[in-house]
Amino acid sequence: MALVPYEETSGVGLQKFHKPLATFSFANHTIQIRQDWRQLGVAAVVWDAAVVLSTYLEMGAVELRGRSAVELGAGTGLVGIVAALLGITM
């Protein structure tokens, strides 16, 4: 569990996490993930780190096809979804 103090009404900082739907495009697919910050907290939103890692995997820097992986603590699962679309076996 993480504590992320902030004012919901101040600036644009974390307001994107309050949108109920986050949409991304990876591996020639559109991925829509439901978010629920208020009820489920930090594990129920797509963090920027997941988007960056998904982009890195899509660039092909790591060969995923035919490999296996276990995803632990990945929040909404964006990285696992992208890895699966790129050929990894979960």
PDB file of N, CA and C in Angstrom:
ATOM      1  N   MET A   1       0.852  -1.169   0.000  1.00  0.00           N
ATOM      2  CA  MET A   1       0.000   0.000   0.000  1.00  0.00           C
ATOM      3  C   MET A   1       0.898   1.232   0.000  1.00  0.00           C
ATOM      4  N   ALA A   2       0.519   2.217  -0.752  1.00  0.00           N
ATOM      5  CA  ALA A   2       1.285   3.456  -0.830  1.00  0.00           C
ATOM      6  C   ALA A   2       0.398   4.622  -0.416  1.00  0.00           C
ATOM      7  N   LEU A   3       1.002   5.609   0.174  1.00  0.00           N
ATOM      8  CA  LEU A   3       0.288   6.819   0.558  1.00  0.00           C
ATOM      9  C   LEU A   3       0.691   7.925  -0.400  1.00  0.00           C
ATOM     10  N   VAL A   4      -0.295   8.473  -1.104  1.00  0.00           N
ATOM     11  CA  VAL A   4      -0.028   9.527  -2.072  1.00  0.00           C
ATOM     12  C   VAL A   4      -0.878  10.732  -1.700  1.00  0.00           C
ATOM     13  N   PRO A   5      -0.344  11.634  -0.856  1.00  0.00           N
ATOM     14  CA  PRO A   5      -1.141  12.798  -0.448  1.00  0.00           C
ATOM     15  C   PRO A   5      -1.204  13.852  -1.554  1.00  0.00           C
ATOM     16  N   TYR A   6      -2.384  14.360  -1.768  1.00  0.00           N
ATOM     17  CA  TYR A   6      -2.550  15.451  -2.718  1.00  0.00           C
ATOM     18  C   TYR A   6      -3.951  16.006  -2.577  1.00  0.00           C
ATOM     19  N   GLU A   7      -4.132  17.184  -3.096  1.00  0.00           N
ATOM     20  CA  GLU A   7      -5.442  17.817  -3.101  1.00  0.00           C
ATOM     21  C   GLU A   7      -6.093  17.528  -4.443  1.00  0.00           C
ATOM     22  N   GLU A   8      -7.254  16.917  -4.433  1.00  0.00           N
ATOM     23  CA  GLU A   8      -7.926  16.545  -5.673  1.00  0.00           C
ATOM     24  C   GLU A   8      -8.257  17.756  -6.529  1.00  0.00           C
ATOM     25  N   THR A   9      -8.464  18.897  -5.907  1.00  0.00           N
ATOM     26  CA  THR A   9      -8.863  20.090  -6.644  1.00  0.00           C
ATOM     27  C   THR A   9      -7.697  20.955  -7.087  1.00  0.00           C
ATOM     28  N   SER A  10      -6.479  20.627  -6.680  1.00  0.00           N
ATOM     29  CA  SER A  10      -5.342  21.485  -7.022  1.00  0.00           C
ATOM     30  C   SER A  10      -4.647  21.029  -8.299  1.00  0.00           C
ATOM     31  N   GLY A  11      -4.596  21.903  -9.289  1.00  0.00           N
ATOM     32  CA  GLY A  11      -3.845  21.634 -10.523  1.00  0.00           C
ATOM     33  C   GLY A  11      -4.325  20.422 -11.289  1.00  0.00           C
ATOM     34  N   VAL A  12      -3.514  20.020 -12.252  1.00  0.00           N
ATOM     35  CA  VAL A  12      -3.868  18.881 -13.095  1.00  0.00           C
ATOM     36  C   VAL A  12      -3.086  17.629 -12.722  1.00  0.00           C
ATOM     37  N   GLY A  13      -2.154  17.719 -11.814  1.00  0.00           N
ATOM     38  CA  GLY A  13      -1.286  16.622 -11.397  1.00  0.00           C
ATOM     39  C   GLY A  13      -1.827  15.219 -11.550  1.00  0.00           C
ATOM     40  N   LEU A  14      -2.627  14.768 -10.615  1.00  0.00           N
ATOM     41  CA  LEU A  14      -3.114  13.399 -10.624  1.00  0.00           C
ATOM     42  C   LEU A  14      -4.560  13.269 -11.079  1.00  0.00           C
ATOM     43  N   GLN A  15      -5.120  14.311 -11.649  1.00  0.00           N
ATOM     44  CA  GLN A  15      -6.519  14.263 -12.051  1.00  0.00           C
ATOM     45  C   GLN A  15      -6.797  13.225 -13.129  1.00  0.00           C
ATOM     46  N   LYS A  16      -5.804  12.890 -13.951  1.00  0.00           N
ATOM     47  CA  LYS A  16      -6.022  11.890 -14.996  1.00  0.00           C
ATOM     48  C   LYS A  16      -6.361  10.532 -14.397  1.00  0.00           C
ATOM     49  N   PHE A  17      -5.950  10.301 -13.140  1.00  0.00           N
ATOM     50  CA  PHE A  17      -6.238   9.030 -12.489  1.00  0.00           C
ATOM     51  C   PHE A  17      -7.701   8.914 -12.065  1.00  0.00           C
ATOM     52  N   HIS A  18      -8.422  10.024 -12.095  1.00  0.00           N
ATOM     53  CA  HIS A  18      -9.836  10.000 -11.719  1.00  0.00           C
ATOM     54  C   HIS A  18     -10.747   9.760 -12.917  1.00  0.00           C
ATOM     55  N   LYS A  19     -10.166   9.699 -14.110  1.00  0.00           N
ATOM     56  CA  LYS A  19     -10.965   9.375 -15.285  1.00  0.00           C
ATOM     57  C   LYS A  19     -11.304   7.883 -15.212  1.00  0.00           C
ATOM     58  N   PRO A  20     -12.546   7.524 -15.458  1.00  0.00           N
ATOM     59  CA  PRO A  20     -12.945   6.119 -15.302  1.00  0.00           C
ATOM     60  C   PRO A  20     -12.371   5.176 -16.355  1.00  0.00           C
ATOM     61  N   LEU A  21     -11.861   5.726 -17.454  1.00  0.00           N
ATOM     62  CA  LEU A  21     -11.357   4.887 -18.525  1.00  0.00           C
ATOM     63  C   LEU A  21     -10.056   5.469 -19.072  1.00  0.00           C
ATOM     64  N   ALA A  22      -9.025   4.624 -19.158  1.00  0.00           N
ATOM     65  CA  ALA A  22      -7.750   5.018 -19.753  1.00  0.00           C
ATOM     66  C   ALA A  22      -7.584   4.224 -21.046  1.00  0.00           C
ATOM     67  N   THR A  23      -7.256   4.900 -22.138  1.00  0.00           N
ATOM     68  CA  THR A  23      -7.146   4.255 -23.446  1.00  0.00           C
ATOM     69  C   THR A  23      -5.718   4.387 -23.974  1.00  0.00           C
ATOM     70  N   PHE A  24      -5.186   3.277 -24.484  1.00  0.00           N
ATOM     71  CA  PHE A  24      -3.818   3.228 -24.987  1.00  0.00           C
ATOM     72  C   PHE A  24      -3.796   2.474 -26.307  1.00  0.00           C
ATOM     73  N   SER A  25      -2.748   2.684 -27.090  1.00  0.00           N
ATOM     74  CA  SER A  25      -2.558   1.965 -28.341  1.00  0.00           C
ATOM     75  C   SER A  25      -1.183   1.309 -28.317  1.00  0.00           C
ATOM     76  N   PHE A  26      -1.182  -0.034 -28.278  1.00  0.00           N
ATOM     77  CA  PHE A  26       0.054  -0.807 -28.292  1.00  0.00           C
ATOM     78  C   PHE A  26      -0.137  -2.038 -29.167  1.00  0.00           C
ATOM     79  N   ALA A  27       0.897  -2.441 -29.851  1.00  0.00           N
ATOM     80  CA  ALA A  27       0.918  -3.682 -30.638  1.00  0.00           C
ATOM     81  C   ALA A  27      -0.269  -3.756 -31.598  1.00  0.00           C
ATOM     82  N   ASN A  28      -0.567  -2.641 -32.245  1.00  0.00           N
ATOM     83  CA  ASN A  28      -1.677  -2.558 -33.204  1.00  0.00           C
ATOM     84  C   ASN A  28      -3.036  -2.886 -32.590  1.00  0.00           C
ATOM     85  N   HIS A  29      -3.188  -2.630 -31.302  1.00  0.00           N
ATOM     86  CA  HIS A  29      -4.449  -2.833 -30.596  1.00  0.00           C
ATOM     87  C   HIS A  29      -4.769  -1.588 -29.775  1.00  0.00           C
ATOM     88  N   THR A  30      -6.038  -1.338 -29.595  1.00  0.00           N
ATOM     89  CA  THR A  30      -6.476  -0.302 -28.665  1.00  0.00           C
ATOM     90  C   THR A  30      -6.842  -0.998 -27.360  1.00  0.00           C
ATOM     91  N   ILE A  31      -6.247  -0.544 -26.279  1.00  0.00           N
ATOM     92  CA  ILE A  31      -6.470  -1.151 -24.967  1.00  0.00           C
ATOM     93  C   ILE A  31      -7.179  -0.133 -24.091  1.00  0.00           C
ATOM     94  N   GLN A  32      -8.323  -0.515 -23.559  1.00  0.00           N
ATOM     95  CA  GLN A  32      -9.060   0.352 -22.641  1.00  0.00           C
ATOM     96  C   GLN A  32      -9.066  -0.304 -21.274  1.00  0.00           C
ATOM     97  N   ILE A  33      -8.657   0.454 -20.265  1.00  0.00           N
ATOM     98  CA  ILE A  33      -8.604  -0.061 -18.902  1.00  0.00           C
ATOM     99  C   ILE A  33      -9.451   0.827 -18.011  1.00  0.00           C
ATOM    100  N   ARG A  34     -10.328   0.200 -17.257  1.00  0.00           N
ATOM    101  CA  ARG A  34     -11.149   0.942 -16.292  1.00  0.00           C
ATOM    102  C   ARG A  34     -10.299   1.286 -15.076  1.00  0.00           C
ATOM    103  N   GLN A  35     -10.454   2.501 -14.595  1.00  0.00           N
ATOM    104  CA  GLN A  35      -9.729   2.965 -13.416  1.00  0.00           C
ATOM    105  C   GLN A  35     -10.728   3.316 -12.311  1.00  0.00           C
ATOM    106  N   ASP A  36     -10.324   3.112 -11.066  1.00  0.00           N
ATOM    107  CA  ASP A  36     -11.191   3.452  -9.939  1.00  0.00           C
ATOM    108  C   ASP A  36     -10.332   3.858  -8.739  1.00  0.00           C
ATOM    109  N   TRP A  37      -9.808   5.072  -8.792  1.00  0.00           N
ATOM    110  CA  TRP A  37      -8.943   5.589  -7.735  1.00  0.00           C
ATOM    111  C   TRP A  37      -9.678   5.674  -6.403  1.00  0.00           C
ATOM    112  N   ARG A  38     -10.890   6.187  -6.434  1.00  0.00           N
ATOM    113  CA  ARG A  38     -11.611   6.459  -5.185  1.00  0.00           C
ATOM    114  C   ARG A  38     -11.912   5.202  -4.381  1.00  0.00           C
ATOM    115  N   GLN A  39     -12.292   4.120  -5.035  1.00  0.00           N
ATOM    116  CA  GLN A  39     -12.649   2.918  -4.292  1.00  0.00           C
ATOM    117  C   GLN A  39     -11.474   1.959  -4.104  1.00  0.00           C
ATOM    118  N   LEU A  40     -10.571   1.873  -5.066  1.00  0.00           N
ATOM    119  CA  LEU A  40      -9.514   0.876  -5.003  1.00  0.00           C
ATOM    120  C   LEU A  40      -8.117   1.460  -4.835  1.00  0.00           C
ATOM    121  N   GLY A  41      -7.977   2.762  -4.914  1.00  0.00           N
ATOM    122  CA  GLY A  41      -6.697   3.406  -4.651  1.00  0.00           C
ATOM    123  C   GLY A  41      -5.665   3.265  -5.745  1.00  0.00           C
ATOM    124  N   VAL A  42      -4.394   3.292  -5.334  1.00  0.00           N
ATOM    125  CA  VAL A  42      -3.279   3.383  -6.271  1.00  0.00           C
ATOM    126  C   VAL A  42      -3.115   2.171  -7.173  1.00  0.00           C
ATOM    127  N   ALA A  43      -3.653   1.022  -6.787  1.00  0.00           N
ATOM    128  CA  ALA A  43      -3.525  -0.175  -7.612  1.00  0.00           C
ATOM    129  C   ALA A  43      -4.526  -0.193  -8.759  1.00  0.00           C
ATOM    130  N   ALA A  44      -5.458   0.718  -8.764  1.00  0.00           N
ATOM    131  CA  ALA A  44      -6.532   0.690  -9.758  1.00  0.00           C
ATOM    132  C   ALA A  44      -6.419   1.797 -10.797  1.00  0.00           C
ATOM    133  N   VAL A  45      -5.212   2.296 -11.004  1.00  0.00           N
ATOM    134  CA  VAL A  45      -4.985   3.294 -12.044  1.00  0.00           C
ATOM    135  C   VAL A  45      -3.757   2.880 -12.859  1.00  0.00           C
ATOM    136  N   VAL A  46      -3.674   3.376 -14.081  1.00  0.00           N
ATOM    137  CA  VAL A  46      -2.521   3.094 -14.939  1.00  0.00           C
ATOM    138  C   VAL A  46      -1.479   4.177 -14.692  1.00  0.00           C
ATOM    139  N   TRP A  47      -0.358   3.784 -14.139  1.00  0.00           N
ATOM    140  CA  TRP A  47       0.719   4.722 -13.829  1.00  0.00           C
ATOM    141  C   TRP A  47       1.598   4.942 -15.055  1.00  0.00           C
ATOM    142  N   ASP A  48       2.240   6.094 -15.094  1.00  0.00           N
ATOM    143  CA  ASP A  48       3.122   6.446 -16.219  1.00  0.00           C
ATOM    144  C   ASP A  48       4.225   5.422 -16.420  1.00  0.00           C
ATOM    145  N   ALA A  49       4.719   4.814 -15.347  1.00  0.00           N
ATOM    146  CA  ALA A  49       5.786   3.814 -15.468  1.00  0.00           C
ATOM    147  C   ALA A  49       5.328   2.620 -16.299  1.00  0.00           C
ATOM    148  N   ALA A  50       4.059   2.237 -16.182  1.00  0.00           N
ATOM    149  CA  ALA A  50       3.529   1.129 -16.981  1.00  0.00           C
ATOM    150  C   ALA A  50       3.491   1.500 -18.460  1.00  0.00           C
ATOM    151  N   VAL A  51       3.154   2.727 -18.749  1.00  0.00           N
ATOM    152  CA  VAL A  51       3.116   3.191 -20.140  1.00  0.00           C
ATOM    153  C   VAL A  51       4.533   3.217 -20.708  1.00  0.00           C
ATOM    154  N   VAL A  52       5.489   3.693 -19.930  1.00  0.00           N
ATOM    155  CA  VAL A  52       6.887   3.751 -20.392  1.00  0.00           C
ATOM    156  C   VAL A  52       7.428   2.347 -20.630  1.00  0.00           C
ATOM    157  N   LEU A  53       7.194   1.419 -19.706  1.00  0.00           N
ATOM    158  CA  LEU A  53       7.688   0.052 -19.883  1.00  0.00           C
ATOM    159  C   LEU A  53       7.001  -0.624 -21.068  1.00  0.00           C
ATOM    160  N   SER A  54       5.720  -0.397 -21.250  1.00  0.00           N
ATOM    161  CA  SER A  54       5.007  -0.960 -22.402  1.00  0.00           C
ATOM    162  C   SER A  54       5.585  -0.434 -23.713  1.00  0.00           C
ATOM    163  N   THR A  55       5.906   0.846 -23.746  1.00  0.00           N
ATOM    164  CA  THR A  55       6.517   1.449 -24.931  1.00  0.00           C
ATOM    165  C   THR A  55       7.881   0.822 -25.199  1.00  0.00           C
ATOM    166  N   TYR A  56       8.666   0.626 -24.154  1.00  0.00           N
ATOM    167  CA  TYR A  56       9.985   0.003 -24.275  1.00  0.00           C
ATOM    168  C   TYR A  56       9.858  -1.415 -24.849  1.00  0.00           C
ATOM    169  N   LEU A  57       8.912  -2.187 -24.326  1.00  0.00           N
ATOM    170  CA  LEU A  57       8.722  -3.549 -24.827  1.00  0.00           C
ATOM    171  C   LEU A  57       8.291  -3.545 -26.290  1.00  0.00           C
ATOM    172  N   GLU A  58       7.427  -2.614 -26.640  1.00  0.00           N
ATOM    173  CA  GLU A  58       6.935  -2.532 -28.018  1.00  0.00           C
ATOM    174  C   GLU A  58       8.060  -2.154 -28.984  1.00  0.00           C
ATOM    175  N   MET A  59       9.061  -1.426 -28.514  1.00  0.00           N
ATOM    176  CA  MET A  59      10.185  -1.033 -29.362  1.00  0.00           C
ATOM    177  C   MET A  59      11.021  -2.235 -29.788  1.00  0.00           C
ATOM    178  N   GLY A  60      10.853  -3.372 -29.112  1.00  0.00           N
ATOM    179  CA  GLY A  60      11.562  -4.582 -29.501  1.00  0.00           C
ATOM    180  C   GLY A  60      12.944  -4.722 -28.907  1.00  0.00           C
ATOM    181  N   ALA A  61      13.260  -3.955 -27.892  1.00  0.00           N
ATOM    182  CA  ALA A  61      14.579  -4.032 -27.262  1.00  0.00           C
ATOM    183  C   ALA A  61      14.783  -5.381 -26.573  1.00  0.00           C
ATOM    184  N   VAL A  62      13.689  -6.022 -26.212  1.00  0.00           N
ATOM    185  CA  VAL A  62      13.744  -7.336 -25.568  1.00  0.00           C
ATOM    186  C   VAL A  62      12.885  -8.283 -26.401  1.00  0.00           C
ATOM    187  N   GLU A  63      13.432  -9.426 -26.778  1.00  0.00           N
ATOM    188  CA  GLU A  63      12.650 -10.409 -27.546  1.00  0.00           C
ATOM    189  C   GLU A  63      11.700 -11.137 -26.601  1.00  0.00           C
ATOM    190  N   LEU A  64      10.405 -11.001 -26.848  1.00  0.00           N
ATOM    191  CA  LEU A  64       9.402 -11.603 -25.975  1.00  0.00           C
ATOM    192  C   LEU A  64       8.792 -12.869 -26.560  1.00  0.00           C
ATOM    193  N   ARG A  65       8.726 -12.958 -27.876  1.00  0.00           N
ATOM    194  CA  ARG A  65       8.043 -14.091 -28.514  1.00  0.00           C
ATOM    195  C   ARG A  65       8.675 -15.411 -28.076  1.00  0.00           C
ATOM    196  N   GLY A  66       7.825 -16.307 -27.584  1.00  0.00           N
ATOM    197  CA  GLY A  66       8.290 -17.623 -27.159  1.00  0.00           C
ATOM    198  C   GLY A  66       8.847 -17.667 -25.752  1.00  0.00           C
ATOM    199  N   ARG A  67       8.863 -16.548 -25.071  1.00  0.00           N
ATOM    200  CA  ARG A  67       9.380 -16.510 -23.695  1.00  0.00           C
ATOM    201  C   ARG A  67       8.220 -16.555 -22.715  1.00  0.00           C
ATOM    202  N   SER A  68       8.539 -16.885 -21.471  1.00  0.00           N
ATOM    203  CA  SER A  68       7.532 -16.929 -20.410  1.00  0.00           C
ATOM    204  C   SER A  68       7.830 -15.857 -19.376  1.00  0.00           C
ATOM    205  N   ALA A  69       6.787 -15.395 -18.707  1.00  0.00           N
ATOM    206  CA  ALA A  69       6.970 -14.384 -17.664  1.00  0.00           C
ATOM    207  C   ALA A  69       5.881 -14.520 -16.610  1.00  0.00           C
ATOM    208  N   VAL A  70       6.181 -14.038 -15.437  1.00  0.00           N
ATOM    209  CA  VAL A  70       5.206 -13.921 -14.365  1.00  0.00           C
ATOM    210  C   VAL A  70       5.156 -12.449 -14.000  1.00  0.00           C
ATOM    211  N   GLU A  71       3.972 -11.893 -13.989  1.00  0.00           N
ATOM    212  CA  GLU A  71       3.829 -10.478 -13.648  1.00  0.00           C
ATOM    213  C   GLU A  71       3.331 -10.377 -12.205  1.00  0.00           C
ATOM    214  N   LEU A  72       4.076  -9.672 -11.391  1.00  0.00           N
ATOM    215  CA  LEU A  72       3.710  -9.516  -9.980  1.00  0.00           C
ATOM    216  C   LEU A  72       3.505  -8.049  -9.654  1.00  0.00           C
ATOM    217  N   GLY A  73       2.397  -7.719  -9.051  1.00  0.00           N
ATOM    218  CA  GLY A  73       2.166  -6.361  -8.586  1.00  0.00           C
ATOM    219  C   GLY A  73       2.143  -5.328  -9.674  1.00  0.00           C
ATOM    220  N   ALA A  74       1.466  -5.614 -10.772  1.00  0.00           N
ATOM    221  CA  ALA A  74       1.497  -4.711 -11.908  1.00  0.00           C
ATOM    222  C   ALA A  74       0.295  -3.769 -11.965  1.00  0.00           C
ATOM    223  N   GLY A  75      -0.407  -3.600 -10.874  1.00  0.00           N
ATOM    224  CA  GLY A  75      -1.547  -2.679 -10.861  1.00  0.00           C
ATOM    225  C   GLY A  75      -2.650  -3.152 -11.767  1.00  0.00           C
ATOM    226  N   THR A  76      -2.986  -2.371 -12.784  1.00  0.00           N
ATOM    227  CA  THR A  76      -4.079  -2.711 -13.691  1.00  0.00           C
ATOM    228  C   THR A  76      -3.694  -3.736 -14.745  1.00  0.00           C
ATOM    229  N   GLY A  77      -2.430  -4.048 -14.873  1.00  0.00           N
ATOM    230  CA  GLY A  77      -1.994  -5.091 -15.798  1.00  0.00           C
ATOM    231  C   GLY A  77      -1.642  -4.645 -17.202  1.00  0.00           C
ATOM    232  N   LEU A  78      -1.487  -3.343 -17.428  1.00  0.00           N
ATOM    233  CA  LEU A  78      -1.178  -2.869 -18.775  1.00  0.00           C
ATOM    234  C   LEU A  78       0.079  -3.530 -19.327  1.00  0.00           C
ATOM    235  N   VAL A  79       1.134  -3.624 -18.554  1.00  0.00           N
ATOM    236  CA  VAL A  79       2.395  -4.205 -19.050  1.00  0.00           C
ATOM    237  C   VAL A  79       2.189  -5.667 -19.434  1.00  0.00           C
ATOM    238  N   GLY A  80       1.464  -6.424 -18.637  1.00  0.00           N
ATOM    239  CA  GLY A  80       1.191  -7.820 -18.950  1.00  0.00           C
ATOM    240  C   GLY A  80       0.363  -7.974 -20.204  1.00  0.00           C
ATOM    241  N   ILE A  81      -0.617  -7.103 -20.391  1.00  0.00           N
ATOM    242  CA  ILE A  81      -1.453  -7.138 -21.591  1.00  0.00           C
ATOM    243  C   ILE A  81      -0.603  -6.878 -22.824  1.00  0.00           C
ATOM    244  N   VAL A  82       0.238  -5.846 -22.758  1.00  0.00           N
ATOM    245  CA  VAL A  82       1.102  -5.508 -23.894  1.00  0.00           C
ATOM    246  C   VAL A  82       2.094  -6.635 -24.161  1.00  0.00           C
ATOM    247  N   ALA A  83       2.685  -7.190 -23.124  1.00  0.00           N
ATOM    248  CA  ALA A  83       3.633  -8.302 -23.298  1.00  0.00           C
ATOM    249  C   ALA A  83       2.946  -9.481 -23.965  1.00  0.00           C
ATOM    250  N   ALA A  84       1.727  -9.790 -23.565  1.00  0.00           N
ATOM    251  CA  ALA A  84       0.973 -10.895 -24.175  1.00  0.00           C
ATOM    252  C   ALA A  84       0.699 -10.612 -25.648  1.00  0.00           C
ATOM    253  N   LEU A  85       0.333  -9.378 -25.963  1.00  0.00           N
ATOM    254  CA  LEU A  85       0.092  -9.019 -27.361  1.00  0.00           C
ATOM    255  C   LEU A  85       1.361  -9.128 -28.204  1.00  0.00           C
ATOM    256  N   LEU A  86       2.507  -8.972 -27.548  1.00  0.00           N
ATOM    257  CA  LEU A  86       3.793  -9.046 -28.249  1.00  0.00           C
ATOM    258  C   LEU A  86       4.353 -10.467 -28.287  1.00  0.00           C
ATOM    259  N   GLY A  87       3.605 -11.441 -27.758  1.00  0.00           N
ATOM    260  CA  GLY A  87       4.003 -12.842 -27.910  1.00  0.00           C
ATOM    261  C   GLY A  87       4.510 -13.552 -26.693  1.00  0.00           C
ATOM    262  N   ILE A  88       4.540 -12.922 -25.536  1.00  0.00           N
ATOM    263  CA  ILE A  88       5.014 -13.604 -24.339  1.00  0.00           C
ATOM    264  C   ILE A  88       3.940 -14.537 -23.798  1.00  0.00           C
ATOM    265  N   THR A  89       4.348 -15.615 -23.163  1.00  0.00           N
ATOM    266  CA  THR A  89       3.434 -16.562 -22.538  1.00  0.00           C
ATOM    267  C   THR A  89       3.395 -16.270 -21.047  1.00  0.00           C
ATOM    268  N   MET A  90       2.207 -16.074 -20.532  1.00  0.00           N
ATOM    269  CA  MET A  90       2.062 -15.800 -19.093  1.00  0.00           C
ATOM    270  C   MET A  90       1.655 -17.048 -18.363  1.00  0.00           C
TER     271      MET A  90
END
